[in-house]
Amino acid sequence: MADAVLTLLLWSFVINLGVTFGAGLYEARITVPEWIGAGPAHRWNGEAARRADVGRRFWGFVTTVPLTVLTLANLAAAWSARGPERDWWLGAGLAALVDRVATFAYFIPTMVRLMREGPLDERRATALVLQWVGLNYGRLAIVLGAWLTGIKALSLR
């Protein structure tokens, strides 16, 4: 691939990771409390989550397709890179891949289950969303690591 195309690919990846991290922080601090309430008396508010519908209204356009495609493309490009950025680029791609796998294997299915108006009782739903929230902080840490590692790769390019 032409050097300019590889650089553009890495730039796109780093920008998307930055947007993903920032939006994830926003969601964790602003949106999620509307779903579970503030303070010690957490209670799942499925109606608020369904009304916000951030998965279809935002995340699908930012990460579900774009970040997944960019992750796979950047992993392929990093694998064939020969410069000093290679290891950092691979690290960013692998961290983002861990995020993508966790997202598709746990985070999306769990949120879809929570947002259904089905048979999940309130106590079980609240426990499930609190688990989701706790694990989501770990996912944000992985995205932050991928973003910073990608920035380092970019600085060496």
C-alpha atoms as a PDB file:
ATOM      1  CA  MET A   1       0.000   0.000   0.000  1.00  0.00           C
ATOM      2  CA  ALA A   2       1.118   3.533  -0.606  1.00  0.00           C
ATOM      3  CA  ASP A   3       2.653   5.235   2.390  1.00  0.00           C
ATOM      4  CA  ALA A   4       0.065   8.024   2.322  1.00  0.00           C
ATOM      5  CA  VAL A   5      -2.793   5.515   2.421  1.00  0.00           C
ATOM      6  CA  LEU A   6      -1.258   3.736   5.426  1.00  0.00           C
ATOM      7  CA  THR A   7      -0.806   7.020   7.237  1.00  0.00           C
ATOM      8  CA  LEU A   8      -4.413   8.000   6.479  1.00  0.00           C
ATOM      9  CA  LEU A   9      -5.580   4.612   7.733  1.00  0.00           C
ATOM     10  CA  LEU A  10      -3.694   5.032  11.013  1.00  0.00           C
ATOM     11  CA  TRP A  11      -4.933   8.622  11.417  1.00  0.00           C
ATOM     12  CA  SER A  12      -8.538   7.480  10.874  1.00  0.00           C
ATOM     13  CA  PHE A  13      -8.079   4.717  13.443  1.00  0.00           C
ATOM     14  CA  VAL A  14      -6.608   7.067  16.047  1.00  0.00           C
ATOM     15  CA  ILE A  15      -9.322   9.686  15.510  1.00  0.00           C
ATOM     16  CA  ASN A  16     -12.079   7.078  15.763  1.00  0.00           C
ATOM     17  CA  LEU A  17     -10.553   5.634  18.944  1.00  0.00           C
ATOM     18  CA  GLY A  18     -10.445   9.145  20.448  1.00  0.00           C
ATOM     19  CA  VAL A  19     -14.080   9.773  19.601  1.00  0.00           C
ATOM     20  CA  THR A  20     -15.002   6.349  20.973  1.00  0.00           C
ATOM     21  CA  PHE A  21     -13.181   6.992  24.249  1.00  0.00           C
ATOM     22  CA  GLY A  22     -14.672  10.466  24.697  1.00  0.00           C
ATOM     23  CA  ALA A  23     -18.179   9.306  23.862  1.00  0.00           C
ATOM     24  CA  GLY A  24     -17.770   6.329  26.183  1.00  0.00           C
ATOM     25  CA  LEU A  25     -16.816   8.632  29.044  1.00  0.00           C
ATOM     26  CA  TYR A  26     -19.784  10.861  28.275  1.00  0.00           C
ATOM     27  CA  GLU A  27     -22.121   7.883  28.242  1.00  0.00           C
ATOM     28  CA  ALA A  28     -20.715   6.531  31.514  1.00  0.00           C
ATOM     29  CA  ARG A  29     -20.973   9.870  33.325  1.00  0.00           C
ATOM     30  CA  ILE A  30     -24.113  11.408  31.789  1.00  0.00           C
ATOM     31  CA  THR A  31     -26.308   8.839  30.062  1.00  0.00           C
ATOM     32  CA  VAL A  32     -25.904   5.706  32.181  1.00  0.00           C
ATOM     33  CA  PRO A  33     -26.974   7.435  35.428  1.00  0.00           C
ATOM     34  CA  GLU A  34     -30.314   8.155  33.724  1.00  0.00           C
ATOM     35  CA  TRP A  35     -30.700   4.393  33.218  1.00  0.00           C
ATOM     36  CA  ILE A  36     -29.821   3.320  36.753  1.00  0.00           C
ATOM     37  CA  GLY A  37     -30.341   6.354  38.964  1.00  0.00           C
ATOM     38  CA  ALA A  38     -27.760   8.066  41.113  1.00  0.00           C
ATOM     39  CA  GLY A  39     -26.601   7.247  44.603  1.00  0.00           C
ATOM     40  CA  PRO A  40     -26.847   3.920  46.384  1.00  0.00           C
ATOM     41  CA  ALA A  41     -30.459   3.219  45.397  1.00  0.00           C
ATOM     42  CA  HIS A  42     -29.792   1.960  41.870  1.00  0.00           C
ATOM     43  CA  ARG A  43     -32.789   0.833  39.889  1.00  0.00           C
ATOM     44  CA  TRP A  44     -32.865  -0.117  36.215  1.00  0.00           C
ATOM     45  CA  ASN A  45     -34.953   2.306  34.183  1.00  0.00           C
ATOM     46  CA  GLY A  46     -35.470   0.435  30.946  1.00  0.00           C
ATOM     47  CA  GLU A  47     -37.787   3.109  29.594  1.00  0.00           C
ATOM     48  CA  ALA A  48     -35.016   5.754  29.841  1.00  0.00           C
ATOM     49  CA  ALA A  49     -32.563   3.417  28.100  1.00  0.00           C
ATOM     50  CA  ARG A  50     -35.044   2.625  25.343  1.00  0.00           C
ATOM     51  CA  ARG A  51     -35.824   6.312  24.894  1.00  0.00           C
ATOM     52  CA  ALA A  52     -32.106   7.188  24.575  1.00  0.00           C
ATOM     53  CA  ASP A  53     -31.428   4.152  22.327  1.00  0.00           C
ATOM     54  CA  VAL A  54     -27.771   5.132  22.069  1.00  0.00           C
ATOM     55  CA  GLY A  55     -26.818   1.860  20.410  1.00  0.00           C
ATOM     56  CA  ARG A  56     -28.798   2.574  17.272  1.00  0.00           C
ATOM     57  CA  ARG A  57     -28.724   6.357  17.440  1.00  0.00           C
ATOM     58  CA  PHE A  58     -24.975   6.774  18.001  1.00  0.00           C
ATOM     59  CA  TRP A  59     -22.753   3.730  18.597  1.00  0.00           C
ATOM     60  CA  GLY A  60     -23.733   1.958  15.399  1.00  0.00           C
ATOM     61  CA  PHE A  61     -22.408   4.875  13.370  1.00  0.00           C
ATOM     62  CA  VAL A  62     -19.220   5.379  15.395  1.00  0.00           C
ATOM     63  CA  THR A  63     -18.008   1.974  16.486  1.00  0.00           C
ATOM     64  CA  THR A  64     -20.143  -0.987  15.501  1.00  0.00           C
ATOM     65  CA  VAL A  65     -19.199  -0.762  11.843  1.00  0.00           C
ATOM     66  CA  PRO A  66     -16.520   1.965  11.474  1.00  0.00           C
ATOM     67  CA  LEU A  67     -14.257   1.052  14.385  1.00  0.00           C
ATOM     68  CA  THR A  68     -14.562  -2.641  13.621  1.00  0.00           C
ATOM     69  CA  VAL A  69     -13.560  -2.118   9.976  1.00  0.00           C
ATOM     70  CA  LEU A  70     -10.761   0.279  10.948  1.00  0.00           C
ATOM     71  CA  THR A  71      -9.478  -2.164  13.562  1.00  0.00           C
ATOM     72  CA  LEU A  72      -9.250  -5.030  11.074  1.00  0.00           C
ATOM     73  CA  ALA A  73      -7.728  -2.839   8.353  1.00  0.00           C
ATOM     74  CA  ASN A  74      -5.162  -1.381  10.762  1.00  0.00           C
ATOM     75  CA  LEU A  75      -4.214  -4.810  12.074  1.00  0.00           C
ATOM     76  CA  ALA A  76      -3.523  -5.941   8.509  1.00  0.00           C
ATOM     77  CA  ALA A  77      -1.546  -2.783   7.746  1.00  0.00           C
ATOM     78  CA  ALA A  78       0.417  -2.962  11.006  1.00  0.00           C
ATOM     79  CA  TRP A  79       1.248  -6.614  10.420  1.00  0.00           C
ATOM     80  CA  SER A  80       2.985  -5.749   7.150  1.00  0.00           C
ATOM     81  CA  ALA A  81       4.605  -2.520   8.441  1.00  0.00           C
ATOM     82  CA  ARG A  82       8.388  -2.520   8.794  1.00  0.00           C
ATOM     83  CA  GLY A  83       9.076   0.797  10.513  1.00  0.00           C
ATOM     84  CA  PRO A  84       9.541   1.650  14.186  1.00  0.00           C
ATOM     85  CA  GLU A  85       5.776   2.161  14.559  1.00  0.00           C
ATOM     86  CA  ARG A  86       4.986  -1.500  13.834  1.00  0.00           C
ATOM     87  CA  ASP A  87       4.887  -2.825  17.404  1.00  0.00           C
ATOM     88  CA  TRP A  88       2.907   0.164  18.692  1.00  0.00           C
ATOM     89  CA  TRP A  89       0.503  -0.073  15.774  1.00  0.00           C
ATOM     90  CA  LEU A  90      -0.002  -3.798  16.345  1.00  0.00           C
ATOM     91  CA  GLY A  91      -0.560  -3.123  20.052  1.00  0.00           C
ATOM     92  CA  ALA A  92      -3.219  -0.539  19.272  1.00  0.00           C
ATOM     93  CA  GLY A  93      -4.899  -2.873  16.811  1.00  0.00           C
ATOM     94  CA  LEU A  94      -4.868  -5.816  19.214  1.00  0.00           C
ATOM     95  CA  ALA A  95      -6.248  -3.719  22.080  1.00  0.00           C
ATOM     96  CA  ALA A  96      -9.011  -2.443  19.814  1.00  0.00           C
ATOM     97  CA  LEU A  97      -9.692  -6.022  18.707  1.00  0.00           C
ATOM     98  CA  VAL A  98     -10.141  -7.063  22.354  1.00  0.00           C
ATOM     99  CA  ASP A  99     -12.634  -4.199  22.718  1.00  0.00           C
ATOM    100  CA  ARG A 100     -14.497  -5.242  19.565  1.00  0.00           C
ATOM    101  CA  VAL A 101     -14.707  -8.895  20.642  1.00  0.00           C
ATOM    102  CA  ALA A 102     -15.952  -7.922  24.122  1.00  0.00           C
ATOM    103  CA  THR A 103     -18.456  -5.521  22.593  1.00  0.00           C
ATOM    104  CA  PHE A 104     -19.964  -8.089  20.235  1.00  0.00           C
ATOM    105  CA  ALA A 105     -19.750 -11.017  22.672  1.00  0.00           C
ATOM    106  CA  TYR A 106     -21.034  -9.317  25.837  1.00  0.00           C
ATOM    107  CA  PHE A 107     -21.884  -5.609  25.752  1.00  0.00           C
ATOM    108  CA  ILE A 108     -24.264  -5.476  22.786  1.00  0.00           C
ATOM    109  CA  PRO A 109     -26.163  -8.700  23.615  1.00  0.00           C
ATOM    110  CA  THR A 110     -26.500  -7.720  27.271  1.00  0.00           C
ATOM    111  CA  MET A 111     -27.842  -4.257  26.464  1.00  0.00           C
ATOM    112  CA  VAL A 112     -30.251  -5.677  23.887  1.00  0.00           C
ATOM    113  CA  ARG A 113     -31.509  -8.100  26.548  1.00  0.00           C
ATOM    114  CA  LEU A 114     -31.871  -5.283  29.082  1.00  0.00           C
ATOM    115  CA  MET A 115     -33.727  -3.022  26.676  1.00  0.00           C
ATOM    116  CA  ARG A 116     -36.337  -5.619  25.818  1.00  0.00           C
ATOM    117  CA  GLU A 117     -39.560  -5.133  27.720  1.00  0.00           C
ATOM    118  CA  GLY A 118     -39.540  -8.844  28.420  1.00  0.00           C
ATOM    119  CA  PRO A 119     -39.591 -11.099  31.460  1.00  0.00           C
ATOM    120  CA  LEU A 120     -36.458  -9.791  33.240  1.00  0.00           C
ATOM    121  CA  ASP A 121     -37.531  -8.738  36.718  1.00  0.00           C
ATOM    122  CA  GLU A 122     -36.347  -5.389  38.052  1.00  0.00           C
ATOM    123  CA  ARG A 123     -33.926  -6.842  40.603  1.00  0.00           C
ATOM    124  CA  ARG A 124     -32.228  -9.084  38.003  1.00  0.00           C
ATOM    125  CA  ALA A 125     -32.150  -6.275  35.442  1.00  0.00           C
ATOM    126  CA  THR A 126     -30.567  -3.887  37.951  1.00  0.00           C
ATOM    127  CA  ALA A 127     -27.901  -6.454  38.878  1.00  0.00           C
ATOM    128  CA  LEU A 128     -27.197  -7.096  35.202  1.00  0.00           C
ATOM    129  CA  VAL A 129     -26.863  -3.415  34.321  1.00  0.00           C
ATOM    130  CA  LEU A 130     -24.589  -2.781  37.304  1.00  0.00           C
ATOM    131  CA  GLN A 131     -22.351  -5.617  36.083  1.00  0.00           C
ATOM    132  CA  TRP A 132     -22.439  -4.104  32.584  1.00  0.00           C
ATOM    133  CA  VAL A 133     -21.468  -0.691  33.994  1.00  0.00           C
ATOM    134  CA  GLY A 134     -18.559  -2.121  35.983  1.00  0.00           C
ATOM    135  CA  LEU A 135     -17.203  -4.062  33.023  1.00  0.00           C
ATOM    136  CA  ASN A 136     -17.703  -1.038  30.787  1.00  0.00           C
ATOM    137  CA  TYR A 137     -15.085   0.885  32.791  1.00  0.00           C
ATOM    138  CA  GLY A 138     -12.632  -1.895  31.921  1.00  0.00           C
ATOM    139  CA  ARG A 139     -13.626  -1.619  28.287  1.00  0.00           C
ATOM    140  CA  LEU A 140     -13.017   2.128  28.400  1.00  0.00           C
ATOM    141  CA  ALA A 141      -9.532   1.466  29.807  1.00  0.00           C
ATOM    142  CA  ILE A 142      -8.827  -0.870  26.881  1.00  0.00           C
ATOM    143  CA  VAL A 143     -10.004   1.763  24.384  1.00  0.00           C
ATOM    144  CA  LEU A 144      -7.849   4.395  26.118  1.00  0.00           C
ATOM    145  CA  GLY A 145      -4.864   2.055  25.860  1.00  0.00           C
ATOM    146  CA  ALA A 146      -5.550   1.435  22.175  1.00  0.00           C
ATOM    147  CA  TRP A 147      -5.916   5.160  21.532  1.00  0.00           C
ATOM    148  CA  LEU A 148      -2.693   6.144  23.315  1.00  0.00           C
ATOM    149  CA  THR A 149      -0.790   3.289  21.696  1.00  0.00           C
ATOM    150  CA  GLY A 150      -2.131   4.358  18.319  1.00  0.00           C
ATOM    151  CA  ILE A 151      -1.002   7.934  18.961  1.00  0.00           C
ATOM    152  CA  LYS A 152       2.478   6.624  19.750  1.00  0.00           C
ATOM    153  CA  ALA A 153       2.485   4.628  16.510  1.00  0.00           C
ATOM    154  CA  LEU A 154       1.385   7.721  14.640  1.00  0.00           C
ATOM    155  CA  SER A 155       4.186   9.776  16.200  1.00  0.00           C
ATOM    156  CA  LEU A 156       6.714   7.252  14.898  1.00  0.00           C
ATOM    157  CA  ARG A 157       5.268   7.126  11.387  1.00  0.00           C
END
